[in-house]
Amino acid sequence: MTLTIARRLGLLVGLAMDASAMSDAVMHHYSAFIAGTAGWFLAGGLLGLVHFLSLRWSVQRLVAGHALLSLGLQLLRLALTSTAMILTVRLFGAIPLLAGSLGLMAARTGVLLLEVQ
């Protein structure tokens, strides 16, 4: 359908008046989505920081000869991380899980870079 025919049929009446309000609503929705996703990324980063720093400490305990303590720390670390991810996806959905996972991987990279220096 061409623009001229649509105007003659009255299909585009009031479209220009609503465009500004619609654009503002869409932009507000996207900015809220981006802010929420950034929050999940930061939460995942914090979880990743705890996860990978406790892995480092657990390996140090294992090398020092405390195998039982190291095993307990490994189980606790894995239980905490997996529980957090399962609760995130069940309560909030896939997008927060993906953002949190990206934050966790970013924290992994940060901890590895700290270890190299």
C-alpha atoms as a PDB file:
ATOM      1  CA  MET A   1       0.000   0.000   0.000  1.00  0.00           C
ATOM      2  CA  THR A   2       1.501   3.315  -0.968  1.00  0.00           C
ATOM      3  CA  LEU A   3       1.677   6.315   1.305  1.00  0.00           C
ATOM      4  CA  THR A   4      -0.869   8.299  -0.744  1.00  0.00           C
ATOM      5  CA  ILE A   5      -3.482   5.544  -0.591  1.00  0.00           C
ATOM      6  CA  ALA A   6      -2.944   5.134   3.137  1.00  0.00           C
ATOM      7  CA  ARG A   7      -3.522   8.850   3.689  1.00  0.00           C
ATOM      8  CA  ARG A   8      -6.714   8.790   1.629  1.00  0.00           C
ATOM      9  CA  LEU A   9      -8.047   5.890   3.661  1.00  0.00           C
ATOM     10  CA  GLY A  10      -7.252   7.714   6.906  1.00  0.00           C
ATOM     11  CA  LEU A  11      -4.792   5.072   8.135  1.00  0.00           C
ATOM     12  CA  LEU A  12      -2.065   7.569   9.025  1.00  0.00           C
ATOM     13  CA  VAL A  13      -4.204  10.050  10.941  1.00  0.00           C
ATOM     14  CA  GLY A  14      -2.513  11.114  14.173  1.00  0.00           C
ATOM     15  CA  LEU A  15       0.676   9.193  13.467  1.00  0.00           C
ATOM     16  CA  ALA A  16       2.958  12.211  13.583  1.00  0.00           C
ATOM     17  CA  MET A  17       1.500  13.390  16.902  1.00  0.00           C
ATOM     18  CA  ASP A  18       2.164  10.039  18.573  1.00  0.00           C
ATOM     19  CA  ALA A  19       5.666   9.544  17.182  1.00  0.00           C
ATOM     20  CA  SER A  20       7.451  11.653  19.807  1.00  0.00           C
ATOM     21  CA  ALA A  21       5.675  10.058  22.767  1.00  0.00           C
ATOM     22  CA  MET A  22       6.273   6.603  21.336  1.00  0.00           C
ATOM     23  CA  SER A  23       9.975   7.313  20.814  1.00  0.00           C
ATOM     24  CA  ASP A  24      10.323   8.483  24.425  1.00  0.00           C
ATOM     25  CA  ALA A  25       8.599   5.354  25.721  1.00  0.00           C
ATOM     26  CA  VAL A  26      10.789   3.074  23.635  1.00  0.00           C
ATOM     27  CA  MET A  27      13.977   4.873  24.701  1.00  0.00           C
ATOM     28  CA  HIS A  28      12.955   4.657  28.359  1.00  0.00           C
ATOM     29  CA  HIS A  29      12.324   0.929  27.956  1.00  0.00           C
ATOM     30  CA  TYR A  30      15.716   0.338  26.329  1.00  0.00           C
ATOM     31  CA  SER A  31      17.616   2.423  28.852  1.00  0.00           C
ATOM     32  CA  ALA A  32      15.988   0.488  31.704  1.00  0.00           C
ATOM     33  CA  PHE A  33      16.880  -2.776  29.966  1.00  0.00           C
ATOM     34  CA  ILE A  34      20.507  -1.716  29.523  1.00  0.00           C
ATOM     35  CA  ALA A  35      20.780  -0.563  33.145  1.00  0.00           C
ATOM     36  CA  GLY A  36      19.311  -3.839  34.395  1.00  0.00           C
ATOM     37  CA  THR A  37      21.621  -5.884  32.209  1.00  0.00           C
ATOM     38  CA  ALA A  38      24.631  -3.903  33.440  1.00  0.00           C
ATOM     39  CA  GLY A  39      23.557  -4.637  37.007  1.00  0.00           C
ATOM     40  CA  TRP A  40      23.454  -8.360  36.299  1.00  0.00           C
ATOM     41  CA  PHE A  41      26.873  -8.112  34.633  1.00  0.00           C
ATOM     42  CA  LEU A  42      28.292  -6.488  37.788  1.00  0.00           C
ATOM     43  CA  ALA A  43      26.628  -9.080  40.028  1.00  0.00           C
ATOM     44  CA  GLY A  44      28.122 -11.852  37.901  1.00  0.00           C
ATOM     45  CA  GLY A  45      31.492 -10.144  38.090  1.00  0.00           C
ATOM     46  CA  LEU A  46      31.313 -10.054  41.876  1.00  0.00           C
ATOM     47  CA  LEU A  47      30.316 -13.716  41.982  1.00  0.00           C
ATOM     48  CA  GLY A  48      33.155 -14.545  39.579  1.00  0.00           C
ATOM     49  CA  LEU A  49      35.634 -12.634  41.692  1.00  0.00           C
ATOM     50  CA  VAL A  50      34.653 -14.637  44.776  1.00  0.00           C
ATOM     51  CA  HIS A  51      34.623 -17.870  42.753  1.00  0.00           C
ATOM     52  CA  PHE A  52      38.057 -17.527  41.184  1.00  0.00           C
ATOM     53  CA  LEU A  53      39.813 -15.996  44.182  1.00  0.00           C
ATOM     54  CA  SER A  54      38.518 -18.864  46.323  1.00  0.00           C
ATOM     55  CA  LEU A  55      39.818 -21.274  43.658  1.00  0.00           C
ATOM     56  CA  ARG A  56      43.219 -19.665  44.001  1.00  0.00           C
ATOM     57  CA  TRP A  57      43.100 -19.988  47.771  1.00  0.00           C
ATOM     58  CA  SER A  58      41.889 -23.595  47.506  1.00  0.00           C
ATOM     59  CA  VAL A  59      44.807 -24.537  45.258  1.00  0.00           C
ATOM     60  CA  GLN A  60      47.223 -22.914  47.712  1.00  0.00           C
ATOM     61  CA  ARG A  61      45.716 -25.052  50.503  1.00  0.00           C
ATOM     62  CA  LEU A  62      46.068 -28.165  48.343  1.00  0.00           C
ATOM     63  CA  VAL A  63      49.715 -27.440  47.594  1.00  0.00           C
ATOM     64  CA  ALA A  64      50.336 -26.828  51.311  1.00  0.00           C
ATOM     65  CA  GLY A  65      49.091 -30.366  52.019  1.00  0.00           C
ATOM     66  CA  HIS A  66      45.573 -29.658  53.268  1.00  0.00           C
ATOM     67  CA  ALA A  67      43.708 -31.871  50.807  1.00  0.00           C
ATOM     68  CA  LEU A  68      40.537 -32.267  52.860  1.00  0.00           C
ATOM     69  CA  LEU A  69      40.166 -28.512  53.389  1.00  0.00           C
ATOM     70  CA  SER A  70      40.813 -27.936  49.703  1.00  0.00           C
ATOM     71  CA  LEU A  71      38.142 -30.466  48.714  1.00  0.00           C
ATOM     72  CA  GLY A  72      35.619 -28.837  51.051  1.00  0.00           C
ATOM     73  CA  LEU A  73      36.381 -25.415  49.615  1.00  0.00           C
ATOM     74  CA  GLN A  74      35.973 -26.739  46.075  1.00  0.00           C
ATOM     75  CA  LEU A  75      32.561 -28.204  46.870  1.00  0.00           C
ATOM     76  CA  LEU A  76      31.442 -25.019  48.615  1.00  0.00           C
ATOM     77  CA  ARG A  77      32.686 -22.849  45.737  1.00  0.00           C
ATOM     78  CA  LEU A  78      30.915 -24.933  43.090  1.00  0.00           C
ATOM     79  CA  ALA A  79      27.711 -25.135  45.137  1.00  0.00           C
ATOM     80  CA  LEU A  80      27.608 -21.360  45.640  1.00  0.00           C
ATOM     81  CA  THR A  81      28.213 -20.541  41.978  1.00  0.00           C
ATOM     82  CA  SER A  82      25.817 -23.127  40.572  1.00  0.00           C
ATOM     83  CA  THR A  83      23.079 -22.200  43.064  1.00  0.00           C
ATOM     84  CA  ALA A  84      23.425 -18.522  42.186  1.00  0.00           C
ATOM     85  CA  MET A  85      23.175 -19.248  38.457  1.00  0.00           C
ATOM     86  CA  ILE A  86      20.217 -21.629  38.837  1.00  0.00           C
ATOM     87  CA  LEU A  87      18.323 -19.139  40.997  1.00  0.00           C
ATOM     88  CA  THR A  88      19.087 -16.349  38.543  1.00  0.00           C
ATOM     89  CA  VAL A  89      17.671 -18.191  35.557  1.00  0.00           C
ATOM     90  CA  ARG A  90      14.625 -19.514  37.403  1.00  0.00           C
ATOM     91  CA  LEU A  91      13.673 -16.243  39.064  1.00  0.00           C
ATOM     92  CA  PHE A  92      14.756 -13.698  36.463  1.00  0.00           C
ATOM     93  CA  GLY A  93      15.222 -15.437  33.100  1.00  0.00           C
ATOM     94  CA  ALA A  94      17.828 -15.992  30.440  1.00  0.00           C
ATOM     95  CA  ILE A  95      19.047 -12.421  29.843  1.00  0.00           C
ATOM     96  CA  PRO A  96      20.186 -11.914  33.464  1.00  0.00           C
ATOM     97  CA  LEU A  97      21.829 -15.350  33.339  1.00  0.00           C
ATOM     98  CA  LEU A  98      23.744 -14.433  30.189  1.00  0.00           C
ATOM     99  CA  ALA A  99      24.774 -11.045  31.560  1.00  0.00           C
ATOM    100  CA  GLY A 100      25.867 -12.621  34.849  1.00  0.00           C
ATOM    101  CA  SER A 101      27.825 -15.293  33.006  1.00  0.00           C
ATOM    102  CA  LEU A 102      29.624 -12.637  30.996  1.00  0.00           C
ATOM    103  CA  GLY A 103      30.461 -10.848  34.241  1.00  0.00           C
ATOM    104  CA  LEU A 104      31.749 -14.106  35.706  1.00  0.00           C
ATOM    105  CA  MET A 105      34.009 -14.649  32.698  1.00  0.00           C
ATOM    106  CA  ALA A 106      35.241 -11.051  32.873  1.00  0.00           C
ATOM    107  CA  ALA A 107      36.164 -11.632  36.527  1.00  0.00           C
ATOM    108  CA  ARG A 108      38.002 -14.800  35.484  1.00  0.00           C
ATOM    109  CA  THR A 109      40.065 -12.785  33.036  1.00  0.00           C
ATOM    110  CA  GLY A 110      40.783 -10.177  35.710  1.00  0.00           C
ATOM    111  CA  VAL A 111      41.913 -12.763  38.262  1.00  0.00           C
ATOM    112  CA  LEU A 112      44.127 -14.476  35.669  1.00  0.00           C
ATOM    113  CA  LEU A 113      45.694 -11.140  34.745  1.00  0.00           C
ATOM    114  CA  LEU A 114      46.375 -10.443  38.426  1.00  0.00           C
ATOM    115  CA  GLU A 115      48.033 -13.849  38.755  1.00  0.00           C
ATOM    116  CA  VAL A 116      50.344 -13.245  35.779  1.00  0.00           C
ATOM    117  CA  GLN A 117      51.681  -9.986  37.234  1.00  0.00           C
END
